């Protein structure tokens, strides 16, 4: 799904990129790359892709247990690489790929698209402008009501293969926390199987504490649940000394891409007014609430456009989601897992 829904449409709206080749091993009547993209070369193996001298960038959208080997091979074949999240199963593997990228002098980017969720950008504007004062709590949620375990890698791969909720949804949520506040100093994790089946944990809560620096005293709570029967799912709840911001509903871009829209289409990235957040600010001793609409959307296409620009300039510092940042998110995920196992807080 990732290639069809996200990557191919975003390549199409990136002027300096052109879709050249798709790897598809087993096309079906309902999922045929050759039918969907008749002018594009279709090959059955990644080896053919890596060996093609006309290809400059490889987009890795396979299941996460293959990301390390495919990304390493692509870099060593002289290609720049963009990798779907979760990047790789371990921080050690991430570090190894960083080293290969440096050795080959090819750029490496991770597809953490939810940095460009419009509601997250709205919070970031409030944060920059100091509207909420000194922040003390930041909650980020990705809750859904899904009683059946998915049959894709998200429900079949174990955590050691980067499967399950921590790597699927936790990667997004933790990345947003690190973008907004930097690395925490302490991590406490709780993993649960809310479905009550025999599978691995399907839900998570992580407490990320900041005990030093400019964010000292902040508690970031990361939650993803599969049993949450709500008409509107909480997305963010941020509290500070001057005000609070509460937002329900997920960013609309994924659903719009699934429906066939693309960045640049009228209404793309814009949610209905009834999905707007609520801002409370203190006026003296009195809290005053107002509807707070999102900022103008930048769209997920910004990630592709910025990566293309970094490649054109040969500027590793301009890569929009650096592999080192994804490695640090994996360090936090590993701490969440260790905390859940040991029932102790982990100090990073």
C-alpha atoms as a PDB file:
ATOM      1  CA  UNK A   1       0.000   0.000   0.000  1.00  0.00           C
ATOM      2  CA  UNK A   2       2.785   2.442   0.888  1.00  0.00           C
ATOM      3  CA  UNK A   3       4.105   2.672  -2.675  1.00  0.00           C
ATOM      4  CA  UNK A   4       0.684   3.101  -4.319  1.00  0.00           C
ATOM      5  CA  UNK A   5      -0.865   5.438  -1.737  1.00  0.00           C
ATOM      6  CA  UNK A   6       2.080   7.573  -0.639  1.00  0.00           C
ATOM      7  CA  UNK A   7       5.238   7.337  -2.664  1.00  0.00           C
ATOM      8  CA  UNK A   8       4.173   7.142  -6.307  1.00  0.00           C
ATOM      9  CA  UNK A   9       1.721  10.081  -5.983  1.00  0.00           C
ATOM     10  CA  UNK A  10       4.383  12.140  -4.195  1.00  0.00           C
ATOM     11  CA  UNK A  11       6.999  11.336  -6.823  1.00  0.00           C
ATOM     12  CA  UNK A  12       4.487  12.493  -9.441  1.00  0.00           C
ATOM     13  CA  UNK A  13       4.262  15.977  -7.892  1.00  0.00           C
ATOM     14  CA  UNK A  14       8.029  16.377  -7.394  1.00  0.00           C
ATOM     15  CA  UNK A  15       9.272  18.182 -10.533  1.00  0.00           C
ATOM     16  CA  UNK A  16      12.859  16.915 -10.378  1.00  0.00           C
ATOM     17  CA  UNK A  17      11.844  13.265 -10.010  1.00  0.00           C
ATOM     18  CA  UNK A  18      10.537  10.763 -12.537  1.00  0.00           C
ATOM     19  CA  UNK A  19       9.290   7.266 -11.774  1.00  0.00           C
ATOM     20  CA  UNK A  20      11.587   4.936 -13.726  1.00  0.00           C
ATOM     21  CA  UNK A  21      11.187   1.382 -12.384  1.00  0.00           C
ATOM     22  CA  UNK A  22       8.932  -0.570 -10.018  1.00  0.00           C
ATOM     23  CA  UNK A  23       9.856  -3.902  -8.441  1.00  0.00           C
ATOM     24  CA  UNK A  24       6.835  -6.207  -8.327  1.00  0.00           C
ATOM     25  CA  UNK A  25       7.322  -9.934  -7.890  1.00  0.00           C
ATOM     26  CA  UNK A  26       3.760 -11.230  -8.025  1.00  0.00           C
ATOM     27  CA  UNK A  27       1.253  -8.937  -9.752  1.00  0.00           C
ATOM     28  CA  UNK A  28      -2.437  -9.775  -9.486  1.00  0.00           C
ATOM     29  CA  UNK A  29      -5.506  -8.733 -11.416  1.00  0.00           C
ATOM     30  CA  UNK A  30      -6.300  -6.119  -8.793  1.00  0.00           C
ATOM     31  CA  UNK A  31      -2.710  -5.055  -8.135  1.00  0.00           C
ATOM     32  CA  UNK A  32      -0.679  -4.817 -11.303  1.00  0.00           C
ATOM     33  CA  UNK A  33       2.046  -2.197 -11.589  1.00  0.00           C
ATOM     34  CA  UNK A  34       2.266  -2.682 -15.367  1.00  0.00           C
ATOM     35  CA  UNK A  35      -1.440  -1.853 -15.765  1.00  0.00           C
ATOM     36  CA  UNK A  36      -1.337   1.091 -13.370  1.00  0.00           C
ATOM     37  CA  UNK A  37       1.881   2.531 -14.841  1.00  0.00           C
ATOM     38  CA  UNK A  38       2.187   1.428 -18.472  1.00  0.00           C
ATOM     39  CA  UNK A  39       5.114   3.725 -19.222  1.00  0.00           C
ATOM     40  CA  UNK A  40       7.230   2.497 -16.313  1.00  0.00           C
ATOM     41  CA  UNK A  41       9.698  -0.375 -16.332  1.00  0.00           C
ATOM     42  CA  UNK A  42       8.590  -3.321 -14.164  1.00  0.00           C
ATOM     43  CA  UNK A  43      11.176  -5.790 -12.844  1.00  0.00           C
ATOM     44  CA  UNK A  44      10.789  -8.841 -10.573  1.00  0.00           C
ATOM     45  CA  UNK A  45      13.881  -8.346  -8.389  1.00  0.00           C
ATOM     46  CA  UNK A  46      15.699  -5.609  -6.532  1.00  0.00           C
ATOM     47  CA  UNK A  47      18.983  -6.771  -8.066  1.00  0.00           C
ATOM     48  CA  UNK A  48      17.828  -5.521 -11.479  1.00  0.00           C
ATOM     49  CA  UNK A  49      16.837  -2.221  -9.913  1.00  0.00           C
ATOM     50  CA  UNK A  50      20.166  -1.728  -8.162  1.00  0.00           C
ATOM     51  CA  UNK A  51      22.134  -2.639 -11.297  1.00  0.00           C
ATOM     52  CA  UNK A  52      20.382  -0.089 -13.533  1.00  0.00           C
ATOM     53  CA  UNK A  53      22.753   2.863 -14.137  1.00  0.00           C
ATOM     54  CA  UNK A  54      19.839   5.133 -15.115  1.00  0.00           C
ATOM     55  CA  UNK A  55      18.401   5.006 -11.590  1.00  0.00           C
ATOM     56  CA  UNK A  56      19.637   7.662  -9.180  1.00  0.00           C
ATOM     57  CA  UNK A  57      17.284   7.214  -6.187  1.00  0.00           C
ATOM     58  CA  UNK A  58      15.818   4.051  -4.688  1.00  0.00           C
ATOM     59  CA  UNK A  59      12.656   4.187  -2.562  1.00  0.00           C
ATOM     60  CA  UNK A  60      12.471   1.213  -0.162  1.00  0.00           C
ATOM     61  CA  UNK A  61       8.831   0.424   0.658  1.00  0.00           C
ATOM     62  CA  UNK A  62       9.128  -3.294   1.393  1.00  0.00           C
ATOM     63  CA  UNK A  63       8.343  -4.876   4.771  1.00  0.00           C
ATOM     64  CA  UNK A  64      10.610  -3.584   7.534  1.00  0.00           C
ATOM     65  CA  UNK A  65      12.660  -6.731   8.151  1.00  0.00           C
ATOM     66  CA  UNK A  66      14.094  -6.262   4.621  1.00  0.00           C
ATOM     67  CA  UNK A  67      14.973  -2.575   4.994  1.00  0.00           C
ATOM     68  CA  UNK A  68      18.520  -3.045   6.233  1.00  0.00           C
ATOM     69  CA  UNK A  69      19.685  -5.405   3.492  1.00  0.00           C
ATOM     70  CA  UNK A  70      17.914  -3.544   0.676  1.00  0.00           C
ATOM     71  CA  UNK A  71      19.095  -0.120   1.825  1.00  0.00           C
ATOM     72  CA  UNK A  72      22.679  -1.270   2.287  1.00  0.00           C
ATOM     73  CA  UNK A  73      22.727  -2.890  -1.154  1.00  0.00           C
ATOM     74  CA  UNK A  74      21.227   0.208  -2.800  1.00  0.00           C
ATOM     75  CA  UNK A  75      23.762   2.543  -1.180  1.00  0.00           C
ATOM     76  CA  UNK A  76      26.615   0.257  -2.171  1.00  0.00           C
ATOM     77  CA  UNK A  77      25.233   0.244  -5.722  1.00  0.00           C
ATOM     78  CA  UNK A  78      25.664   4.021  -5.807  1.00  0.00           C
ATOM     79  CA  UNK A  79      22.054   5.062  -5.228  1.00  0.00           C
ATOM     80  CA  UNK A  80      20.592   7.666  -2.917  1.00  0.00           C
ATOM     81  CA  UNK A  81      17.935   6.011  -0.747  1.00  0.00           C
ATOM     82  CA  UNK A  82      14.646   6.981   0.876  1.00  0.00           C
ATOM     83  CA  UNK A  83      13.378   4.309   3.300  1.00  0.00           C
ATOM     84  CA  UNK A  84       9.854   3.841   4.610  1.00  0.00           C
ATOM     85  CA  UNK A  85       9.366   3.840   8.346  1.00  0.00           C
ATOM     86  CA  UNK A  86      10.093   1.959  10.493  1.00  0.00           C
ATOM     87  CA  UNK A  87      13.651   2.551   9.289  1.00  0.00           C
ATOM     88  CA  UNK A  88      15.193  -0.729  10.474  1.00  0.00           C
ATOM     89  CA  UNK A  89      14.615  -3.015  13.477  1.00  0.00           C
ATOM     90  CA  UNK A  90      17.524  -1.768  15.625  1.00  0.00           C
ATOM     91  CA  UNK A  91      19.517   1.355  16.366  1.00  0.00           C
ATOM     92  CA  UNK A  92      22.713  -0.615  15.660  1.00  0.00           C
ATOM     93  CA  UNK A  93      21.510  -1.399  12.129  1.00  0.00           C
ATOM     94  CA  UNK A  94      20.611   2.256  11.666  1.00  0.00           C
ATOM     95  CA  UNK A  95      24.106   3.298  12.694  1.00  0.00           C
ATOM     96  CA  UNK A  96      25.630   0.820  10.259  1.00  0.00           C
ATOM     97  CA  UNK A  97      23.589   2.282   7.391  1.00  0.00           C
ATOM     98  CA  UNK A  98      24.680   5.783   8.388  1.00  0.00           C
ATOM     99  CA  UNK A  99      28.271   4.606   8.052  1.00  0.00           C
ATOM    100  CA  UNK A 100      27.596   3.026   4.642  1.00  0.00           C
ATOM    101  CA  UNK A 101      25.940   6.259   3.484  1.00  0.00           C
ATOM    102  CA  UNK A 102      29.014   8.219   4.536  1.00  0.00           C
ATOM    103  CA  UNK A 103      31.389   5.735   2.891  1.00  0.00           C
ATOM    104  CA  UNK A 104      29.495   5.714  -0.411  1.00  0.00           C
ATOM    105  CA  UNK A 105      28.775   9.466  -0.283  1.00  0.00           C
ATOM    106  CA  UNK A 106      25.123   8.758  -1.060  1.00  0.00           C
ATOM    107  CA  UNK A 107      22.297  10.458   0.811  1.00  0.00           C
ATOM    108  CA  UNK A 108      19.936   8.518   3.057  1.00  0.00           C
ATOM    109  CA  UNK A 109      16.501   9.737   4.177  1.00  0.00           C
ATOM    110  CA  UNK A 110      13.719   8.129   6.236  1.00  0.00           C
ATOM    111  CA  UNK A 111      10.048   8.620   5.366  1.00  0.00           C
ATOM    112  CA  UNK A 112       8.744  10.149   8.606  1.00  0.00           C
ATOM    113  CA  UNK A 113       5.917  11.904   6.811  1.00  0.00           C
ATOM    114  CA  UNK A 114       3.922  12.824   9.905  1.00  0.00           C
ATOM    115  CA  UNK A 115       6.351  15.628  10.624  1.00  0.00           C
ATOM    116  CA  UNK A 116       4.210  17.308   7.942  1.00  0.00           C
ATOM    117  CA  UNK A 117       0.848  16.527   9.550  1.00  0.00           C
ATOM    118  CA  UNK A 118      -0.870  19.885   9.503  1.00  0.00           C
ATOM    119  CA  UNK A 119      -2.084  19.633  13.096  1.00  0.00           C
ATOM    120  CA  UNK A 120       1.498  18.927  14.229  1.00  0.00           C
ATOM    121  CA  UNK A 121       2.701  21.984  12.295  1.00  0.00           C
ATOM    122  CA  UNK A 122      -0.093  23.954  13.990  1.00  0.00           C
ATOM    123  CA  UNK A 123       1.184  22.892  17.407  1.00  0.00           C
ATOM    124  CA  UNK A 124       4.747  23.723  16.382  1.00  0.00           C
ATOM    125  CA  UNK A 125       3.673  27.282  15.507  1.00  0.00           C
ATOM    126  CA  UNK A 126       2.036  27.662  18.934  1.00  0.00           C
ATOM    127  CA  UNK A 127       5.229  26.303  20.482  1.00  0.00           C
ATOM    128  CA  UNK A 128       7.513  28.686  18.579  1.00  0.00           C
ATOM    129  CA  UNK A 129       5.362  31.691  19.415  1.00  0.00           C
ATOM    130  CA  UNK A 130       5.189  30.788  23.114  1.00  0.00           C
ATOM    131  CA  UNK A 131       1.384  30.899  23.123  1.00  0.00           C
ATOM    132  CA  UNK A 132       1.102  28.107  25.690  1.00  0.00           C
ATOM    133  CA  UNK A 133       3.943  29.330  27.898  1.00  0.00           C
ATOM    134  CA  UNK A 134       6.360  26.828  29.424  1.00  0.00           C
ATOM    135  CA  UNK A 135       5.126  23.406  28.410  1.00  0.00           C
ATOM    136  CA  UNK A 136       4.704  20.799  31.137  1.00  0.00           C
ATOM    137  CA  UNK A 137       2.754  18.030  29.383  1.00  0.00           C
ATOM    138  CA  UNK A 138       2.542  16.900  25.769  1.00  0.00           C
ATOM    139  CA  UNK A 139       0.247  13.994  24.889  1.00  0.00           C
ATOM    140  CA  UNK A 140       0.272  12.484  21.405  1.00  0.00           C
ATOM    141  CA  UNK A 141      -2.198   9.720  20.545  1.00  0.00           C
ATOM    142  CA  UNK A 142      -2.813   7.324  17.676  1.00  0.00           C
ATOM    143  CA  UNK A 143      -5.829   5.428  19.037  1.00  0.00           C
ATOM    144  CA  UNK A 144      -8.251   3.365  16.958  1.00  0.00           C
ATOM    145  CA  UNK A 145     -10.977   0.802  17.518  1.00  0.00           C
ATOM    146  CA  UNK A 146      -9.822  -2.271  15.597  1.00  0.00           C
ATOM    147  CA  UNK A 147     -10.661  -5.589  17.196  1.00  0.00           C
ATOM    148  CA  UNK A 148      -9.070  -7.728  14.479  1.00  0.00           C
ATOM    149  CA  UNK A 149      -5.310  -8.008  14.196  1.00  0.00           C
ATOM    150  CA  UNK A 150      -4.138  -6.886  10.720  1.00  0.00           C
ATOM    151  CA  UNK A 151      -2.925  -9.575   8.338  1.00  0.00           C
ATOM    152  CA  UNK A 152      -0.124  -7.359   7.013  1.00  0.00           C
ATOM    153  CA  UNK A 153       3.373  -7.073   8.529  1.00  0.00           C
ATOM    154  CA  UNK A 154       1.905  -4.760  11.150  1.00  0.00           C
ATOM    155  CA  UNK A 155       0.152  -7.722  12.723  1.00  0.00           C
ATOM    156  CA  UNK A 156       2.321 -10.655  11.669  1.00  0.00           C
ATOM    157  CA  UNK A 157       5.928  -9.547  12.233  1.00  0.00           C
ATOM    158  CA  UNK A 158       7.363  -9.611  15.731  1.00  0.00           C
ATOM    159  CA  UNK A 159       9.002  -6.608  17.349  1.00  0.00           C
ATOM    160  CA  UNK A 160      12.455  -8.040  16.663  1.00  0.00           C
ATOM    161  CA  UNK A 161      11.593  -7.659  12.970  1.00  0.00           C
ATOM    162  CA  UNK A 162      10.233  -4.115  13.478  1.00  0.00           C
ATOM    163  CA  UNK A 163       6.621  -5.279  13.456  1.00  0.00           C
ATOM    164  CA  UNK A 164       3.754  -4.302  15.718  1.00  0.00           C
ATOM    165  CA  UNK A 165       2.447  -1.095  17.226  1.00  0.00           C
ATOM    166  CA  UNK A 166       5.697   0.274  18.667  1.00  0.00           C
ATOM    167  CA  UNK A 167       7.416   0.298  15.290  1.00  0.00           C
ATOM    168  CA  UNK A 168       4.356   1.070  13.166  1.00  0.00           C
ATOM    169  CA  UNK A 169       2.659   3.888  15.087  1.00  0.00           C
ATOM    170  CA  UNK A 170       5.129   4.509  17.895  1.00  0.00           C
ATOM    171  CA  UNK A 171       7.746   5.479  15.322  1.00  0.00           C
ATOM    172  CA  UNK A 172       5.550   8.347  14.111  1.00  0.00           C
ATOM    173  CA  UNK A 173       4.592   9.582  17.563  1.00  0.00           C
ATOM    174  CA  UNK A 174       8.060   9.395  19.103  1.00  0.00           C
ATOM    175  CA  UNK A 175       9.572  11.095  16.064  1.00  0.00           C
ATOM    176  CA  UNK A 176       7.211  14.031  16.544  1.00  0.00           C
ATOM    177  CA  UNK A 177       8.196  14.294  20.213  1.00  0.00           C
ATOM    178  CA  UNK A 178      11.908  14.322  19.338  1.00  0.00           C
ATOM    179  CA  UNK A 179      11.362  16.920  16.593  1.00  0.00           C
ATOM    180  CA  UNK A 180       9.530  19.182  19.047  1.00  0.00           C
ATOM    181  CA  UNK A 181      11.624  18.684  22.181  1.00  0.00           C
ATOM    182  CA  UNK A 182      14.798  16.726  21.451  1.00  0.00           C
ATOM    183  CA  UNK A 183      15.866  13.517  23.160  1.00  0.00           C
ATOM    184  CA  UNK A 184      14.326  12.708  26.554  1.00  0.00           C
ATOM    185  CA  UNK A 185      16.460  11.668  29.488  1.00  0.00           C
ATOM    186  CA  UNK A 186      14.164   8.974  30.926  1.00  0.00           C
ATOM    187  CA  UNK A 187      11.813   6.476  29.277  1.00  0.00           C
ATOM    188  CA  UNK A 188       9.093   4.342  30.854  1.00  0.00           C
ATOM    189  CA  UNK A 189       7.136   1.938  28.662  1.00  0.00           C
ATOM    190  CA  UNK A 190       4.034  -0.203  29.018  1.00  0.00           C
ATOM    191  CA  UNK A 191       3.129  -2.650  26.249  1.00  0.00           C
ATOM    192  CA  UNK A 192      -0.236  -4.411  26.264  1.00  0.00           C
ATOM    193  CA  UNK A 193      -2.273  -6.861  24.246  1.00  0.00           C
ATOM    194  CA  UNK A 194      -5.686  -5.203  24.329  1.00  0.00           C
ATOM    195  CA  UNK A 195      -7.171  -7.700  21.880  1.00  0.00           C
ATOM    196  CA  UNK A 196      -6.379 -10.518  24.276  1.00  0.00           C
ATOM    197  CA  UNK A 197      -5.152 -12.833  21.535  1.00  0.00           C
ATOM    198  CA  UNK A 198      -1.905 -14.787  21.373  1.00  0.00           C
ATOM    199  CA  UNK A 199      -0.027 -12.166  19.366  1.00  0.00           C
ATOM    200  CA  UNK A 200       2.563  -9.649  20.437  1.00  0.00           C
ATOM    201  CA  UNK A 201       1.592  -6.344  22.099  1.00  0.00           C
ATOM    202  CA  UNK A 202      -0.868  -4.313  20.047  1.00  0.00           C
ATOM    203  CA  UNK A 203      -0.998  -1.194  22.237  1.00  0.00           C
ATOM    204  CA  UNK A 204       1.533   1.012  23.961  1.00  0.00           C
ATOM    205  CA  UNK A 205       2.035   3.822  26.424  1.00  0.00           C
ATOM    206  CA  UNK A 206       5.417   5.510  26.736  1.00  0.00           C
ATOM    207  CA  UNK A 207       6.346   8.249  29.182  1.00  0.00           C
ATOM    208  CA  UNK A 208       9.277  10.373  28.011  1.00  0.00           C
ATOM    209  CA  UNK A 209      10.663  12.613  30.737  1.00  0.00           C
ATOM    210  CA  UNK A 210      12.873  15.658  30.304  1.00  0.00           C
ATOM    211  CA  UNK A 211      14.972  16.225  33.425  1.00  0.00           C
ATOM    212  CA  UNK A 212      17.474  18.782  32.136  1.00  0.00           C
ATOM    213  CA  UNK A 213      17.942  21.516  29.570  1.00  0.00           C
ATOM    214  CA  UNK A 214      15.358  23.982  28.334  1.00  0.00           C
ATOM    215  CA  UNK A 215      12.582  21.350  28.415  1.00  0.00           C
ATOM    216  CA  UNK A 216      13.296  20.393  32.044  1.00  0.00           C
ATOM    217  CA  UNK A 217      10.110  19.260  33.765  1.00  0.00           C
ATOM    218  CA  UNK A 218       8.284  18.265  30.582  1.00  0.00           C
ATOM    219  CA  UNK A 219       6.473  14.934  30.422  1.00  0.00           C
ATOM    220  CA  UNK A 220       5.632  13.627  26.937  1.00  0.00           C
ATOM    221  CA  UNK A 221       3.088  10.819  26.787  1.00  0.00           C
ATOM    222  CA  UNK A 222       2.907   8.616  23.700  1.00  0.00           C
ATOM    223  CA  UNK A 223      -0.153   6.379  23.364  1.00  0.00           C
ATOM    224  CA  UNK A 224      -1.480   4.008  20.720  1.00  0.00           C
ATOM    225  CA  UNK A 225      -4.467   1.796  21.459  1.00  0.00           C
ATOM    226  CA  UNK A 226      -6.543  -0.607  19.365  1.00  0.00           C
ATOM    227  CA  UNK A 227      -9.582  -0.661  21.648  1.00  0.00           C
ATOM    228  CA  UNK A 228     -10.888   2.875  21.747  1.00  0.00           C
ATOM    229  CA  UNK A 229     -14.605   3.153  20.860  1.00  0.00           C
ATOM    230  CA  UNK A 230     -14.887   6.908  20.375  1.00  0.00           C
ATOM    231  CA  UNK A 231     -16.677   9.121  17.885  1.00  0.00           C
ATOM    232  CA  UNK A 232     -13.614  11.395  17.853  1.00  0.00           C
ATOM    233  CA  UNK A 233     -10.171  10.105  18.786  1.00  0.00           C
ATOM    234  CA  UNK A 234      -7.896  12.393  20.782  1.00  0.00           C
ATOM    235  CA  UNK A 235      -4.762  13.343  18.824  1.00  0.00           C
ATOM    236  CA  UNK A 236      -2.960  15.968  20.944  1.00  0.00           C
ATOM    237  CA  UNK A 237      -3.370  17.471  24.380  1.00  0.00           C
ATOM    238  CA  UNK A 238      -0.699  20.021  25.269  1.00  0.00           C
ATOM    239  CA  UNK A 239      -0.598  21.982  28.507  1.00  0.00           C
ATOM    240  CA  UNK A 240       1.565  24.901  29.549  1.00  0.00           C
ATOM    241  CA  UNK A 241       1.716  27.759  32.001  1.00  0.00           C
ATOM    242  CA  UNK A 242      -0.206  30.131  29.711  1.00  0.00           C
ATOM    243  CA  UNK A 243      -2.642  27.831  27.959  1.00  0.00           C
ATOM    244  CA  UNK A 244      -3.520  24.471  26.452  1.00  0.00           C
ATOM    245  CA  UNK A 245      -4.190  23.012  23.021  1.00  0.00           C
ATOM    246  CA  UNK A 246      -6.407  20.005  22.415  1.00  0.00           C
ATOM    247  CA  UNK A 247      -6.936  18.398  19.017  1.00  0.00           C
ATOM    248  CA  UNK A 248      -9.060  15.458  17.914  1.00  0.00           C
ATOM    249  CA  UNK A 249      -8.956  13.519  14.614  1.00  0.00           C
ATOM    250  CA  UNK A 250      -6.029  12.427  12.472  1.00  0.00           C
ATOM    251  CA  UNK A 251      -4.525  14.521   9.718  1.00  0.00           C
ATOM    252  CA  UNK A 252      -6.617  14.142   6.545  1.00  0.00           C
ATOM    253  CA  UNK A 253      -3.791  13.610   4.036  1.00  0.00           C
ATOM    254  CA  UNK A 254      -3.620   9.822   4.251  1.00  0.00           C
ATOM    255  CA  UNK A 255      -7.352   9.407   3.627  1.00  0.00           C
ATOM    256  CA  UNK A 256      -7.177  11.917   0.791  1.00  0.00           C
ATOM    257  CA  UNK A 257      -4.291  10.068  -0.863  1.00  0.00           C
ATOM    258  CA  UNK A 258      -6.199   6.785  -0.523  1.00  0.00           C
ATOM    259  CA  UNK A 259      -9.152   8.461  -2.251  1.00  0.00           C
ATOM    260  CA  UNK A 260      -6.955   9.501  -5.181  1.00  0.00           C
ATOM    261  CA  UNK A 261      -6.236  13.123  -4.294  1.00  0.00           C
ATOM    262  CA  UNK A 262      -2.707  14.462  -4.481  1.00  0.00           C
ATOM    263  CA  UNK A 263      -0.837  17.518  -3.218  1.00  0.00           C
ATOM    264  CA  UNK A 264      -1.814  20.546  -5.239  1.00  0.00           C
ATOM    265  CA  UNK A 265      -5.430  19.453  -5.672  1.00  0.00           C
ATOM    266  CA  UNK A 266      -8.024  21.867  -4.358  1.00  0.00           C
ATOM    267  CA  UNK A 267      -8.746  21.100  -0.708  1.00  0.00           C
ATOM    268  CA  UNK A 268      -5.791  18.767  -0.268  1.00  0.00           C
ATOM    269  CA  UNK A 269      -4.551  18.737   3.328  1.00  0.00           C
ATOM    270  CA  UNK A 270      -7.396  20.950   4.536  1.00  0.00           C
ATOM    271  CA  UNK A 271      -9.735  19.527   7.171  1.00  0.00           C
ATOM    272  CA  UNK A 272     -13.312  20.577   7.813  1.00  0.00           C
ATOM    273  CA  UNK A 273     -13.908  23.268  10.421  1.00  0.00           C
ATOM    274  CA  UNK A 274     -15.559  20.825  12.814  1.00  0.00           C
ATOM    275  CA  UNK A 275     -12.213  19.008  13.116  1.00  0.00           C
ATOM    276  CA  UNK A 276     -10.397  22.125  14.337  1.00  0.00           C
ATOM    277  CA  UNK A 277      -8.518  22.159  17.618  1.00  0.00           C
ATOM    278  CA  UNK A 278      -9.410  24.029  20.781  1.00  0.00           C
ATOM    279  CA  UNK A 279      -7.037  26.615  22.219  1.00  0.00           C
ATOM    280  CA  UNK A 280      -7.364  27.820  25.792  1.00  0.00           C
ATOM    281  CA  UNK A 281      -5.314  30.804  26.945  1.00  0.00           C
ATOM    282  CA  UNK A 282      -5.296  32.504  30.308  1.00  0.00           C
ATOM    283  CA  UNK A 283      -6.612  36.059  30.448  1.00  0.00           C
ATOM    284  CA  UNK A 284      -5.650  37.063  33.955  1.00  0.00           C
ATOM    285  CA  UNK A 285      -7.020  34.279  36.107  1.00  0.00           C
ATOM    286  CA  UNK A 286      -9.675  33.261  33.588  1.00  0.00           C
ATOM    287  CA  UNK A 287      -9.237  30.562  30.907  1.00  0.00           C
ATOM    288  CA  UNK A 288     -10.663  31.616  27.530  1.00  0.00           C
ATOM    289  CA  UNK A 289     -11.365  28.995  24.852  1.00  0.00           C
ATOM    290  CA  UNK A 290     -11.424  29.487  21.094  1.00  0.00           C
ATOM    291  CA  UNK A 291     -11.533  27.318  17.985  1.00  0.00           C
ATOM    292  CA  UNK A 292      -8.048  27.038  16.513  1.00  0.00           C
ATOM    293  CA  UNK A 293      -7.860  26.091  12.858  1.00  0.00           C
ATOM    294  CA  UNK A 294      -4.799  24.498  11.329  1.00  0.00           C
ATOM    295  CA  UNK A 295      -2.042  26.415   9.626  1.00  0.00           C
ATOM    296  CA  UNK A 296      -1.742  26.295   5.840  1.00  0.00           C
ATOM    297  CA  UNK A 297      -0.736  22.713   4.953  1.00  0.00           C
ATOM    298  CA  UNK A 298       2.774  22.059   3.646  1.00  0.00           C
ATOM    299  CA  UNK A 299       1.812  18.467   2.670  1.00  0.00           C
ATOM    300  CA  UNK A 300       3.809  15.255   2.671  1.00  0.00           C
ATOM    301  CA  UNK A 301       5.219  16.305  -0.706  1.00  0.00           C
ATOM    302  CA  UNK A 302       7.543  18.652   1.201  1.00  0.00           C
ATOM    303  CA  UNK A 303       9.614  15.663   2.321  1.00  0.00           C
ATOM    304  CA  UNK A 304      10.196  14.535  -1.264  1.00  0.00           C
ATOM    305  CA  UNK A 305      10.887  18.042  -2.498  1.00  0.00           C
ATOM    306  CA  UNK A 306      13.412  18.714   0.248  1.00  0.00           C
ATOM    307  CA  UNK A 307      15.152  15.366  -0.317  1.00  0.00           C
ATOM    308  CA  UNK A 308      15.367  16.070  -4.051  1.00  0.00           C
ATOM    309  CA  UNK A 309      16.888  19.482  -3.302  1.00  0.00           C
ATOM    310  CA  UNK A 310      19.424  17.924  -0.915  1.00  0.00           C
ATOM    311  CA  UNK A 311      20.472  15.480  -3.648  1.00  0.00           C
ATOM    312  CA  UNK A 312      20.756  18.246  -6.250  1.00  0.00           C
ATOM    313  CA  UNK A 313      22.951  20.251  -3.878  1.00  0.00           C
ATOM    314  CA  UNK A 314      24.887  17.247  -2.574  1.00  0.00           C
ATOM    315  CA  UNK A 315      24.076  18.511   0.915  1.00  0.00           C
ATOM    316  CA  UNK A 316      23.664  15.831   3.574  1.00  0.00           C
ATOM    317  CA  UNK A 317      22.745  18.484   6.137  1.00  0.00           C
ATOM    318  CA  UNK A 318      19.675  19.362   4.019  1.00  0.00           C
ATOM    319  CA  UNK A 319      18.176  15.839   4.126  1.00  0.00           C
ATOM    320  CA  UNK A 320      14.725  16.432   5.671  1.00  0.00           C
ATOM    321  CA  UNK A 321      14.671  13.302   7.881  1.00  0.00           C
ATOM    322  CA  UNK A 322      18.196  12.241   8.646  1.00  0.00           C
ATOM    323  CA  UNK A 323      19.078   8.614   9.356  1.00  0.00           C
ATOM    324  CA  UNK A 324      20.698   9.748  12.597  1.00  0.00           C
ATOM    325  CA  UNK A 325      17.351  11.134  13.745  1.00  0.00           C
ATOM    326  CA  UNK A 326      15.621   7.850  12.913  1.00  0.00           C
ATOM    327  CA  UNK A 327      18.382   6.025  14.801  1.00  0.00           C
ATOM    328  CA  UNK A 328      17.655   8.120  17.900  1.00  0.00           C
ATOM    329  CA  UNK A 329      13.943   7.272  17.647  1.00  0.00           C
ATOM    330  CA  UNK A 330      14.937   3.601  17.567  1.00  0.00           C
ATOM    331  CA  UNK A 331      17.017   4.140  20.713  1.00  0.00           C
ATOM    332  CA  UNK A 332      13.865   5.371  22.442  1.00  0.00           C
ATOM    333  CA  UNK A 333      11.825   2.446  21.088  1.00  0.00           C
ATOM    334  CA  UNK A 334      14.425   0.023  22.423  1.00  0.00           C
ATOM    335  CA  UNK A 335      14.207   1.766  25.799  1.00  0.00           C
ATOM    336  CA  UNK A 336      10.390   1.453  25.722  1.00  0.00           C
ATOM    337  CA  UNK A 337      10.727  -2.292  25.106  1.00  0.00           C
ATOM    338  CA  UNK A 338      13.355  -2.730  27.826  1.00  0.00           C
ATOM    339  CA  UNK A 339      11.281  -0.719  30.309  1.00  0.00           C
ATOM    340  CA  UNK A 340       8.188  -2.805  29.571  1.00  0.00           C
ATOM    341  CA  UNK A 341      10.215  -6.003  30.021  1.00  0.00           C
ATOM    342  CA  UNK A 342      12.016  -4.964  33.205  1.00  0.00           C
ATOM    343  CA  UNK A 343       9.210  -2.818  34.631  1.00  0.00           C
ATOM    344  CA  UNK A 344      11.806  -0.107  35.279  1.00  0.00           C
ATOM    345  CA  UNK A 345      12.434   3.399  33.975  1.00  0.00           C
ATOM    346  CA  UNK A 346      15.338   3.508  31.515  1.00  0.00           C
ATOM    347  CA  UNK A 347      17.830   6.369  31.655  1.00  0.00           C
ATOM    348  CA  UNK A 348      19.215   7.266  28.239  1.00  0.00           C
END
